[in-house]
Amino acid sequence: MRAVNLAPLKGILESDPVRSRLLRLLIEDGGWVTTSDLLRVARQARPILGAVTIGTILSGLNDLVSAKLILSRTPPSSGIEWAEWRINPNWLEPTRRLLQMLTRARLREAQRSQE
């Protein structure tokens, strides 16, 4: 397994609500997640969004980190709307740690602003 630079994901998690929601669902679940589940979460941030956009976003995230970070499988004779997605098991724990680090940092910032 070659090393993957997950640093670009930090910016995505902090700045893009759609991509952030998709990544968070994939990271937290860890297993195969359907396109319809991803659509449900993404549409909370952007109501007009389709299955092809989900596929394009996830493919773009792979390009961003130059690796197959997000895997997909599609049953034969179905379309992308029935695809399933997951974080590559080899990089699941590092992406979870990144998410935990960002969550702790956000909590610290919120506590400082209350003081």
C-alpha atoms as a PDB file:
ATOM      1  CA  MET A   1       0.000   0.000   0.000  1.00  0.00           C
ATOM      2  CA  ARG A   2       1.444   3.330  -1.030  1.00  0.00           C
ATOM      3  CA  ALA A   3       1.108   6.413   1.120  1.00  0.00           C
ATOM      4  CA  VAL A   4      -1.783   8.746   0.391  1.00  0.00           C
ATOM      5  CA  ASN A   5      -1.744  12.437   1.142  1.00  0.00           C
ATOM      6  CA  LEU A   6      -5.050  13.072   2.928  1.00  0.00           C
ATOM      7  CA  ALA A   7      -4.216  16.730   3.621  1.00  0.00           C
ATOM      8  CA  PRO A   8      -6.341  18.018   0.701  1.00  0.00           C
ATOM      9  CA  LEU A   9      -9.376  16.450   2.370  1.00  0.00           C
ATOM     10  CA  LYS A  10      -8.957  18.829   5.302  1.00  0.00           C
ATOM     11  CA  GLY A  11      -9.861  21.796   3.123  1.00  0.00           C
ATOM     12  CA  ILE A  12     -12.842  19.972   1.656  1.00  0.00           C
ATOM     13  CA  LEU A  13     -14.168  19.004   5.091  1.00  0.00           C
ATOM     14  CA  GLU A  14     -13.848  22.605   6.266  1.00  0.00           C
ATOM     15  CA  SER A  15     -15.092  24.507   3.221  1.00  0.00           C
ATOM     16  CA  ASP A  16     -17.489  22.546   1.010  1.00  0.00           C
ATOM     17  CA  PRO A  17     -20.718  21.508   2.729  1.00  0.00           C
ATOM     18  CA  VAL A  18     -21.771  18.933   0.109  1.00  0.00           C
ATOM     19  CA  ARG A  19     -18.419  17.189  -0.128  1.00  0.00           C
ATOM     20  CA  SER A  20     -18.019  17.433   3.622  1.00  0.00           C
ATOM     21  CA  ARG A  21     -21.360  15.711   4.252  1.00  0.00           C
ATOM     22  CA  LEU A  22     -20.537  12.959   1.750  1.00  0.00           C
ATOM     23  CA  LEU A  23     -17.102  12.327   3.238  1.00  0.00           C
ATOM     24  CA  ARG A  24     -18.410  12.362   6.792  1.00  0.00           C
ATOM     25  CA  LEU A  25     -21.075   9.766   5.962  1.00  0.00           C
ATOM     26  CA  LEU A  26     -18.539   7.515   4.231  1.00  0.00           C
ATOM     27  CA  ILE A  27     -15.984   7.906   7.030  1.00  0.00           C
ATOM     28  CA  GLU A  28     -18.442   7.387   9.872  1.00  0.00           C
ATOM     29  CA  ASP A  29     -20.199   4.418   8.253  1.00  0.00           C
ATOM     30  CA  GLY A  30     -17.083   2.654   6.985  1.00  0.00           C
ATOM     31  CA  GLY A  31     -19.121   0.154   4.964  1.00  0.00           C
ATOM     32  CA  TRP A  32     -20.870   0.292   1.635  1.00  0.00           C
ATOM     33  CA  VAL A  33     -23.239   3.266   1.370  1.00  0.00           C
ATOM     34  CA  THR A  34     -25.817   3.588  -1.397  1.00  0.00           C
ATOM     35  CA  THR A  35     -26.041   6.517  -3.760  1.00  0.00           C
ATOM     36  CA  SER A  36     -29.529   7.231  -2.409  1.00  0.00           C
ATOM     37  CA  ASP A  37     -28.112   7.528   1.135  1.00  0.00           C
ATOM     38  CA  LEU A  38     -25.448   9.907  -0.151  1.00  0.00           C
ATOM     39  CA  LEU A  39     -28.068  11.913  -2.039  1.00  0.00           C
ATOM     40  CA  ARG A  40     -30.203  12.246   1.087  1.00  0.00           C
ATOM     41  CA  VAL A  41     -27.260  13.678   3.039  1.00  0.00           C
ATOM     42  CA  ALA A  42     -25.955  15.893   0.226  1.00  0.00           C
ATOM     43  CA  ARG A  43     -29.383  17.373  -0.469  1.00  0.00           C
ATOM     44  CA  GLN A  44     -29.427  18.801   3.049  1.00  0.00           C
ATOM     45  CA  ALA A  45     -26.712  21.179   1.830  1.00  0.00           C
ATOM     46  CA  ARG A  46     -27.775  21.492  -1.830  1.00  0.00           C
ATOM     47  CA  PRO A  47     -31.385  20.475  -2.585  1.00  0.00           C
ATOM     48  CA  ILE A  48     -30.939  20.129  -6.352  1.00  0.00           C
ATOM     49  CA  LEU A  49     -28.407  17.364  -6.790  1.00  0.00           C
ATOM     50  CA  GLY A  50     -28.454  14.100  -8.735  1.00  0.00           C
ATOM     51  CA  ALA A  51     -26.790  10.702  -8.765  1.00  0.00           C
ATOM     52  CA  VAL A  52     -24.374  11.636 -11.533  1.00  0.00           C
ATOM     53  CA  THR A  53     -23.198  14.604  -9.466  1.00  0.00           C
ATOM     54  CA  ILE A  54     -22.521  12.269  -6.534  1.00  0.00           C
ATOM     55  CA  GLY A  55     -20.399  10.046  -8.772  1.00  0.00           C
ATOM     56  CA  THR A  56     -18.559  13.070 -10.155  1.00  0.00           C
ATOM     57  CA  ILE A  57     -17.861  14.458  -6.669  1.00  0.00           C
ATOM     58  CA  LEU A  58     -16.530  11.131  -5.369  1.00  0.00           C
ATOM     59  CA  SER A  59     -14.402  10.610  -8.456  1.00  0.00           C
ATOM     60  CA  GLY A  60     -13.048  14.137  -7.989  1.00  0.00           C
ATOM     61  CA  LEU A  61     -12.098  13.330  -4.403  1.00  0.00           C
ATOM     62  CA  ASN A  62     -10.073  10.363  -5.667  1.00  0.00           C
ATOM     63  CA  ASP A  63      -8.351  12.685  -8.137  1.00  0.00           C
ATOM     64  CA  LEU A  64      -7.701  15.184  -5.342  1.00  0.00           C
ATOM     65  CA  VAL A  65      -5.721  12.673  -3.286  1.00  0.00           C
ATOM     66  CA  SER A  66      -4.361  10.844  -6.371  1.00  0.00           C
ATOM     67  CA  ALA A  67      -5.573   7.458  -5.140  1.00  0.00           C
ATOM     68  CA  LYS A  68      -8.560   5.127  -5.005  1.00  0.00           C
ATOM     69  CA  LEU A  69      -9.615   6.505  -1.627  1.00  0.00           C
ATOM     70  CA  ILE A  70     -13.286   5.971  -2.437  1.00  0.00           C
ATOM     71  CA  LEU A  71     -14.296   2.660  -3.963  1.00  0.00           C
ATOM     72  CA  SER A  72     -17.493   1.947  -5.847  1.00  0.00           C
ATOM     73  CA  ARG A  73     -19.432  -1.054  -6.972  1.00  0.00           C
ATOM     74  CA  THR A  74     -22.467  -1.145  -9.183  1.00  0.00           C
ATOM     75  CA  PRO A  75     -24.714  -4.153  -9.602  1.00  0.00           C
ATOM     76  CA  PRO A  76     -24.969  -5.294 -13.249  1.00  0.00           C
ATOM     77  CA  SER A  77     -27.880  -3.841 -15.222  1.00  0.00           C
ATOM     78  CA  SER A  78     -28.343  -0.967 -12.784  1.00  0.00           C
ATOM     79  CA  GLY A  79     -27.301   2.630 -13.179  1.00  0.00           C
ATOM     80  CA  ILE A  80     -25.161   4.925 -11.087  1.00  0.00           C
ATOM     81  CA  GLU A  81     -28.191   5.736  -8.943  1.00  0.00           C
ATOM     82  CA  TRP A  82     -27.881   2.226  -7.476  1.00  0.00           C
ATOM     83  CA  ALA A  83     -24.125   2.249  -6.981  1.00  0.00           C
ATOM     84  CA  GLU A  84     -22.575   1.718  -3.573  1.00  0.00           C
ATOM     85  CA  TRP A  85     -19.563   3.587  -2.245  1.00  0.00           C
ATOM     86  CA  ARG A  86     -17.076   3.224   0.600  1.00  0.00           C
ATOM     87  CA  ILE A  87     -13.770   4.534   1.850  1.00  0.00           C
ATOM     88  CA  ASN A  88     -10.958   2.163   0.886  1.00  0.00           C
ATOM     89  CA  PRO A  89     -10.505  -0.038   3.993  1.00  0.00           C
ATOM     90  CA  ASN A  90      -6.742   0.586   3.852  1.00  0.00           C
ATOM     91  CA  TRP A  91      -7.324   4.299   4.465  1.00  0.00           C
ATOM     92  CA  LEU A  92     -10.434   4.215   6.630  1.00  0.00           C
ATOM     93  CA  GLU A  93      -8.637   4.719   9.954  1.00  0.00           C
ATOM     94  CA  PRO A  94      -6.420   7.586   8.702  1.00  0.00           C
ATOM     95  CA  THR A  95      -9.484   9.388   7.311  1.00  0.00           C
ATOM     96  CA  ARG A  96     -11.351   8.804  10.585  1.00  0.00           C
ATOM     97  CA  ARG A  97      -8.427  10.295  12.519  1.00  0.00           C
ATOM     98  CA  LEU A  98      -8.467  13.315  10.215  1.00  0.00           C
ATOM     99  CA  LEU A  99     -12.190  13.796  10.865  1.00  0.00           C
ATOM    100  CA  GLN A 100     -11.707  13.411  14.637  1.00  0.00           C
ATOM    101  CA  MET A 101      -8.835  15.921  14.590  1.00  0.00           C
ATOM    102  CA  LEU A 102     -10.954  18.490  12.760  1.00  0.00           C
ATOM    103  CA  THR A 103     -13.919  17.908  15.074  1.00  0.00           C
ATOM    104  CA  ARG A 104     -11.746  18.422  18.184  1.00  0.00           C
ATOM    105  CA  ALA A 105     -10.225  21.572  16.686  1.00  0.00           C
ATOM    106  CA  ARG A 106     -13.709  22.959  15.948  1.00  0.00           C
ATOM    107  CA  LEU A 107     -14.837  22.223  19.508  1.00  0.00           C
ATOM    108  CA  ARG A 108     -11.783  24.024  20.933  1.00  0.00           C
ATOM    109  CA  GLU A 109     -12.498  27.044  18.750  1.00  0.00           C
ATOM    110  CA  ALA A 110     -16.129  27.106  19.918  1.00  0.00           C
ATOM    111  CA  GLN A 111     -15.023  26.928  23.553  1.00  0.00           C
ATOM    112  CA  ARG A 112     -12.550  29.792  23.070  1.00  0.00           C
ATOM    113  CA  SER A 113     -15.168  31.978  21.451  1.00  0.00           C
ATOM    114  CA  GLN A 114     -17.492  31.428  24.441  1.00  0.00           C
ATOM    115  CA  GLU A 115     -14.855  32.528  26.928  1.00  0.00           C
END
